[in-house]
């Protein structure tokens, strides 16, 4: 969640490098999440579904990480560390599963 808000805080930066950094960090965090950590994240989502920060994180996911033409996904692909073999569809799906927004869990 912290990286989503860090990405948001860098949206208007003229130097887009920090946005790229935070977007790629989101991918890296999800890619290295263990099954136990994933279950804990889903439990957190369910327990805190109505928390304004969790809803806000979901709104950021919907706005910036829900399709390849959204700014978060563009910044991720602009990163010098981006590789074509990254599983972007799975990444977007996982982010949406953890942070569905609007107080609803999937």
N, C-alpha and C. Protein backbone atom coordinates (compact mmCIF):
# COMPACT_ATOMS: atom_id res chain seq x y z
N UNK A 1 0.83 -1.18 0.00
CA UNK A 1 0.00 0.00 0.00
C UNK A 1 0.88 1.25 0.00
N UNK A 2 1.96 1.19 0.73
CA UNK A 2 2.85 2.34 0.83
C UNK A 2 3.38 2.75 -0.55
N UNK A 3 3.74 1.79 -1.37
CA UNK A 3 4.28 2.10 -2.70
C UNK A 3 3.22 2.72 -3.61
N UNK A 4 1.95 2.32 -3.44
CA UNK A 4 0.89 2.95 -4.22
C UNK A 4 0.79 4.44 -3.90
N UNK A 5 0.85 4.77 -2.61
CA UNK A 5 0.76 6.17 -2.22
C UNK A 5 2.04 6.93 -2.59
N UNK A 6 3.17 6.26 -2.55
CA UNK A 6 4.42 6.89 -3.00
C UNK A 6 4.33 7.20 -4.49
N UNK A 7 3.76 6.28 -5.26
CA UNK A 7 3.55 6.53 -6.69
C UNK A 7 2.65 7.74 -6.89
N UNK A 8 1.54 7.79 -6.15
CA UNK A 8 0.62 8.92 -6.25
C UNK A 8 1.32 10.24 -5.96
N UNK A 9 2.17 10.24 -4.95
CA UNK A 9 2.86 11.47 -4.56
C UNK A 9 3.82 11.97 -5.63
N UNK A 10 4.18 11.12 -6.58
CA UNK A 10 5.13 11.49 -7.64
C UNK A 10 4.46 11.70 -9.00
N UNK A 11 3.14 11.70 -9.04
CA UNK A 11 2.43 11.82 -10.31
C UNK A 11 2.80 13.08 -11.09
N UNK A 12 2.98 14.18 -10.41
CA UNK A 12 3.21 15.45 -11.09
C UNK A 12 4.69 15.82 -11.21
N UNK A 13 5.57 14.92 -10.83
CA UNK A 13 7.01 15.21 -10.95
C UNK A 13 7.41 15.37 -12.41
N UNK A 14 8.17 16.40 -12.68
CA UNK A 14 8.71 16.57 -14.04
C UNK A 14 9.66 15.42 -14.38
N UNK A 15 10.46 15.02 -13.39
CA UNK A 15 11.34 13.86 -13.55
C UNK A 15 10.53 12.63 -13.17
N UNK A 16 10.22 11.81 -14.11
CA UNK A 16 9.32 10.68 -13.89
C UNK A 16 10.02 9.45 -13.30
N UNK A 17 11.31 9.56 -13.01
CA UNK A 17 12.08 8.40 -12.56
C UNK A 17 11.54 7.81 -11.26
N UNK A 18 11.13 8.66 -10.30
CA UNK A 18 10.60 8.12 -9.05
C UNK A 18 9.29 7.37 -9.27
N UNK A 19 8.45 7.86 -10.16
CA UNK A 19 7.22 7.14 -10.50
C UNK A 19 7.53 5.78 -11.09
N UNK A 20 8.52 5.72 -11.96
CA UNK A 20 8.94 4.45 -12.55
C UNK A 20 9.45 3.50 -11.47
N UNK A 21 10.23 4.06 -10.58
CA UNK A 21 10.82 3.29 -9.48
C UNK A 21 9.72 2.68 -8.61
N UNK A 22 8.73 3.49 -8.21
CA UNK A 22 7.66 2.99 -7.35
C UNK A 22 6.79 1.97 -8.08
N UNK A 23 6.50 2.20 -9.35
CA UNK A 23 5.70 1.25 -10.12
C UNK A 23 6.40 -0.10 -10.23
N UNK A 24 7.69 -0.08 -10.52
CA UNK A 24 8.43 -1.34 -10.62
C UNK A 24 8.57 -2.01 -9.26
N UNK A 25 8.71 -1.22 -8.20
CA UNK A 25 8.74 -1.80 -6.86
C UNK A 25 7.45 -2.55 -6.55
N UNK A 26 6.31 -1.99 -6.95
CA UNK A 26 5.04 -2.69 -6.75
C UNK A 26 5.07 -4.07 -7.41
N UNK A 27 5.56 -4.11 -8.64
CA UNK A 27 5.67 -5.39 -9.35
C UNK A 27 6.59 -6.34 -8.58
N UNK A 28 7.74 -5.85 -8.17
CA UNK A 28 8.73 -6.69 -7.48
C UNK A 28 8.18 -7.23 -6.17
N UNK A 29 7.46 -6.40 -5.45
CA UNK A 29 6.88 -6.84 -4.17
C UNK A 29 5.89 -7.97 -4.41
N UNK A 30 4.99 -7.78 -5.37
CA UNK A 30 4.00 -8.84 -5.64
C UNK A 30 4.66 -10.10 -6.18
N UNK A 31 5.67 -9.94 -7.01
CA UNK A 31 6.34 -11.10 -7.61
C UNK A 31 7.06 -11.95 -6.58
N UNK A 32 7.46 -11.36 -5.48
CA UNK A 32 8.21 -12.10 -4.46
C UNK A 32 7.37 -12.40 -3.22
N UNK A 33 6.08 -12.19 -3.30
CA UNK A 33 5.19 -12.46 -2.17
C UNK A 33 4.99 -13.97 -2.02
N UNK A 34 5.18 -14.46 -0.82
CA UNK A 34 4.97 -15.89 -0.56
C UNK A 34 3.47 -16.17 -0.44
N UNK A 35 3.11 -17.45 -0.49
CA UNK A 35 1.70 -17.82 -0.34
C UNK A 35 1.15 -17.37 1.00
N UNK A 36 1.95 -17.50 2.06
CA UNK A 36 1.51 -17.07 3.38
C UNK A 36 1.28 -15.55 3.41
N UNK A 37 2.21 -14.80 2.83
CA UNK A 37 2.06 -13.34 2.77
C UNK A 37 0.83 -12.95 1.95
N UNK A 38 0.58 -13.69 0.87
CA UNK A 38 -0.59 -13.42 0.04
C UNK A 38 -1.88 -13.62 0.85
N UNK A 39 -1.96 -14.72 1.59
CA UNK A 39 -3.14 -14.97 2.42
C UNK A 39 -3.31 -13.88 3.46
N UNK A 40 -2.19 -13.44 4.05
CA UNK A 40 -2.26 -12.35 5.03
C UNK A 40 -2.75 -11.06 4.39
N UNK A 41 -2.29 -10.78 3.19
CA UNK A 41 -2.73 -9.57 2.48
C UNK A 41 -4.23 -9.62 2.20
N UNK A 42 -4.72 -10.78 1.78
CA UNK A 42 -6.16 -10.91 1.53
C UNK A 42 -6.96 -10.79 2.82
N UNK A 43 -6.41 -11.31 3.91
CA UNK A 43 -7.07 -11.15 5.21
C UNK A 43 -7.12 -9.69 5.63
N UNK A 44 -6.02 -8.99 5.43
CA UNK A 44 -5.97 -7.55 5.71
C UNK A 44 -7.02 -6.82 4.88
N UNK A 45 -7.09 -7.16 3.60
CA UNK A 45 -8.09 -6.55 2.71
C UNK A 45 -9.50 -6.75 3.26
N UNK A 46 -9.80 -7.97 3.68
CA UNK A 46 -11.14 -8.27 4.18
C UNK A 46 -11.44 -7.57 5.51
N UNK A 47 -10.44 -7.52 6.39
CA UNK A 47 -10.63 -6.87 7.69
C UNK A 47 -10.75 -5.36 7.58
N UNK A 48 -10.08 -4.78 6.62
CA UNK A 48 -9.99 -3.32 6.50
C UNK A 48 -10.67 -2.78 5.25
N UNK A 49 -11.60 -3.53 4.70
CA UNK A 49 -12.20 -3.16 3.41
C UNK A 49 -12.81 -1.76 3.41
N UNK A 50 -13.30 -1.30 4.56
CA UNK A 50 -13.94 0.02 4.62
C UNK A 50 -13.01 1.13 5.08
N UNK A 51 -11.75 0.81 5.31
CA UNK A 51 -10.78 1.81 5.73
C UNK A 51 -10.51 2.76 4.56
N UNK A 52 -10.54 4.07 4.81
CA UNK A 52 -10.32 5.03 3.71
C UNK A 52 -8.98 4.83 2.99
N UNK A 53 -7.94 4.41 3.70
CA UNK A 53 -6.64 4.20 3.04
C UNK A 53 -6.69 2.99 2.11
N UNK A 54 -7.37 1.93 2.53
CA UNK A 54 -7.49 0.74 1.69
C UNK A 54 -8.34 1.07 0.46
N UNK A 55 -9.42 1.81 0.66
CA UNK A 55 -10.26 2.24 -0.46
C UNK A 55 -9.45 3.13 -1.40
N UNK A 56 -8.69 4.05 -0.82
CA UNK A 56 -7.85 4.93 -1.64
C UNK A 56 -6.82 4.16 -2.43
N UNK A 57 -6.23 3.14 -1.82
CA UNK A 57 -5.26 2.29 -2.54
C UNK A 57 -5.96 1.60 -3.71
N UNK A 58 -7.16 1.10 -3.47
CA UNK A 58 -7.92 0.47 -4.55
C UNK A 58 -8.25 1.43 -5.68
N UNK A 59 -8.57 2.65 -5.30
CA UNK A 59 -8.85 3.67 -6.33
C UNK A 59 -7.60 3.97 -7.16
N UNK A 60 -6.44 4.00 -6.50
CA UNK A 60 -5.18 4.21 -7.23
C UNK A 60 -4.90 3.05 -8.19
N UNK A 61 -5.16 1.84 -7.73
CA UNK A 61 -4.98 0.66 -8.59
C UNK A 61 -5.90 0.78 -9.81
N UNK A 62 -7.18 1.09 -9.56
CA UNK A 62 -8.13 1.21 -10.67
C UNK A 62 -7.73 2.30 -11.66
N UNK A 63 -7.28 3.42 -11.13
CA UNK A 63 -6.96 4.56 -11.98
C UNK A 63 -5.63 4.40 -12.73
N UNK A 64 -4.62 3.82 -12.08
CA UNK A 64 -3.27 3.84 -12.65
C UNK A 64 -2.68 2.47 -13.00
N UNK A 65 -3.31 1.38 -12.53
CA UNK A 65 -2.71 0.06 -12.74
C UNK A 65 -3.72 -0.98 -13.23
N UNK A 66 -4.77 -0.54 -13.91
CA UNK A 66 -5.82 -1.48 -14.33
C UNK A 66 -5.76 -1.85 -15.82
N UNK A 67 -4.93 -1.17 -16.58
CA UNK A 67 -4.79 -1.45 -18.01
C UNK A 67 -3.42 -0.95 -18.47
N UNK A 68 -2.94 -1.50 -19.56
CA UNK A 68 -1.60 -1.14 -20.04
C UNK A 68 -1.47 0.33 -20.42
N UNK A 69 -2.59 0.98 -20.75
CA UNK A 69 -2.53 2.39 -21.13
C UNK A 69 -2.70 3.34 -19.94
N UNK A 70 -2.75 2.81 -18.72
CA UNK A 70 -2.87 3.64 -17.52
C UNK A 70 -1.47 4.07 -17.07
N UNK A 71 -1.41 5.22 -16.43
CA UNK A 71 -0.12 5.83 -16.12
C UNK A 71 0.82 4.93 -15.32
N UNK A 72 0.32 4.22 -14.33
CA UNK A 72 1.19 3.36 -13.55
C UNK A 72 1.84 2.27 -14.38
N UNK A 73 1.06 1.70 -15.29
CA UNK A 73 1.59 0.65 -16.16
C UNK A 73 2.54 1.24 -17.20
N UNK A 74 2.27 2.45 -17.63
CA UNK A 74 3.19 3.12 -18.56
C UNK A 74 4.52 3.38 -17.86
N UNK A 75 4.46 3.89 -16.62
CA UNK A 75 5.70 4.17 -15.89
C UNK A 75 6.48 2.88 -15.64
N UNK A 76 5.80 1.80 -15.31
CA UNK A 76 6.48 0.52 -15.09
C UNK A 76 7.23 0.11 -16.36
N UNK A 77 6.57 0.23 -17.50
CA UNK A 77 7.20 -0.18 -18.76
C UNK A 77 8.29 0.78 -19.21
N UNK A 78 8.27 2.02 -18.72
CA UNK A 78 9.33 2.99 -19.04
C UNK A 78 10.61 2.76 -18.23
N UNK A 79 10.50 2.00 -17.15
CA UNK A 79 11.65 1.77 -16.28
C UNK A 79 12.78 1.09 -17.06
N UNK A 80 13.99 1.50 -16.77
CA UNK A 80 15.14 0.86 -17.43
C UNK A 80 15.28 -0.60 -17.02
N UNK A 81 14.60 -1.00 -15.94
CA UNK A 81 14.66 -2.38 -15.46
C UNK A 81 13.50 -3.23 -15.98
N UNK A 82 12.60 -2.63 -16.72
CA UNK A 82 11.48 -3.37 -17.30
C UNK A 82 12.00 -4.41 -18.29
N UNK A 83 11.38 -5.57 -18.27
CA UNK A 83 11.69 -6.63 -19.22
C UNK A 83 10.37 -7.12 -19.83
N UNK A 84 10.35 -7.40 -21.12
CA UNK A 84 9.11 -7.84 -21.78
C UNK A 84 8.51 -9.10 -21.17
N UNK A 85 9.32 -9.92 -20.52
CA UNK A 85 8.79 -11.17 -19.95
C UNK A 85 8.04 -10.97 -18.63
N UNK A 86 8.01 -9.75 -18.10
CA UNK A 86 7.24 -9.51 -16.88
C UNK A 86 5.77 -9.82 -17.15
N UNK A 87 5.14 -10.42 -16.18
CA UNK A 87 3.75 -10.88 -16.32
C UNK A 87 2.79 -9.76 -15.91
N UNK A 88 2.55 -8.84 -16.81
CA UNK A 88 1.80 -7.63 -16.49
C UNK A 88 0.32 -7.90 -16.24
N UNK A 89 -0.30 -8.78 -17.00
CA UNK A 89 -1.72 -9.09 -16.78
C UNK A 89 -1.92 -9.68 -15.38
N UNK A 90 -1.05 -10.60 -14.99
CA UNK A 90 -1.14 -11.21 -13.67
C UNK A 90 -0.89 -10.18 -12.58
N UNK A 91 0.05 -9.28 -12.81
CA UNK A 91 0.35 -8.20 -11.87
C UNK A 91 -0.88 -7.32 -11.66
N UNK A 92 -1.50 -6.88 -12.74
CA UNK A 92 -2.68 -6.02 -12.62
C UNK A 92 -3.81 -6.75 -11.90
N UNK A 93 -4.00 -8.01 -12.21
CA UNK A 93 -5.04 -8.81 -11.57
C UNK A 93 -4.78 -8.96 -10.07
N UNK A 94 -3.54 -9.25 -9.71
CA UNK A 94 -3.19 -9.42 -8.29
C UNK A 94 -3.37 -8.12 -7.52
N UNK A 95 -2.93 -7.01 -8.10
CA UNK A 95 -3.10 -5.71 -7.43
C UNK A 95 -4.58 -5.43 -7.19
N UNK A 96 -5.40 -5.69 -8.20
CA UNK A 96 -6.84 -5.45 -8.07
C UNK A 96 -7.46 -6.39 -7.04
N UNK A 97 -6.95 -7.60 -6.94
CA UNK A 97 -7.49 -8.54 -5.95
C UNK A 97 -7.21 -8.06 -4.53
N UNK A 98 -6.03 -7.53 -4.30
CA UNK A 98 -5.67 -7.06 -2.96
C UNK A 98 -6.31 -5.71 -2.66
N UNK A 99 -6.40 -4.85 -3.66
CA UNK A 99 -6.94 -3.50 -3.48
C UNK A 99 -8.06 -3.24 -4.48
N UNK A 100 -9.25 -3.82 -4.23
CA UNK A 100 -10.34 -3.65 -5.19
C UNK A 100 -10.97 -2.25 -5.16
N UNK A 101 -10.78 -1.50 -4.10
CA UNK A 101 -11.36 -0.16 -4.02
C UNK A 101 -12.83 -0.20 -3.65
N UNK A 102 -13.37 0.94 -3.37
CA UNK A 102 -14.79 1.13 -3.06
C UNK A 102 -15.29 0.24 -1.92
N UNK A 103 -14.39 -0.26 -1.07
CA UNK A 103 -14.79 -1.05 0.09
C UNK A 103 -15.29 -2.44 -0.25
N UNK A 104 -15.04 -2.92 -1.47
CA UNK A 104 -15.50 -4.24 -1.89
C UNK A 104 -14.32 -5.16 -2.09
N UNK A 105 -14.42 -6.37 -1.62
CA UNK A 105 -13.37 -7.36 -1.91
C UNK A 105 -13.85 -8.25 -3.03
N UNK A 106 -12.90 -8.79 -3.81
CA UNK A 106 -13.30 -9.64 -4.93
C UNK A 106 -13.41 -11.07 -4.52
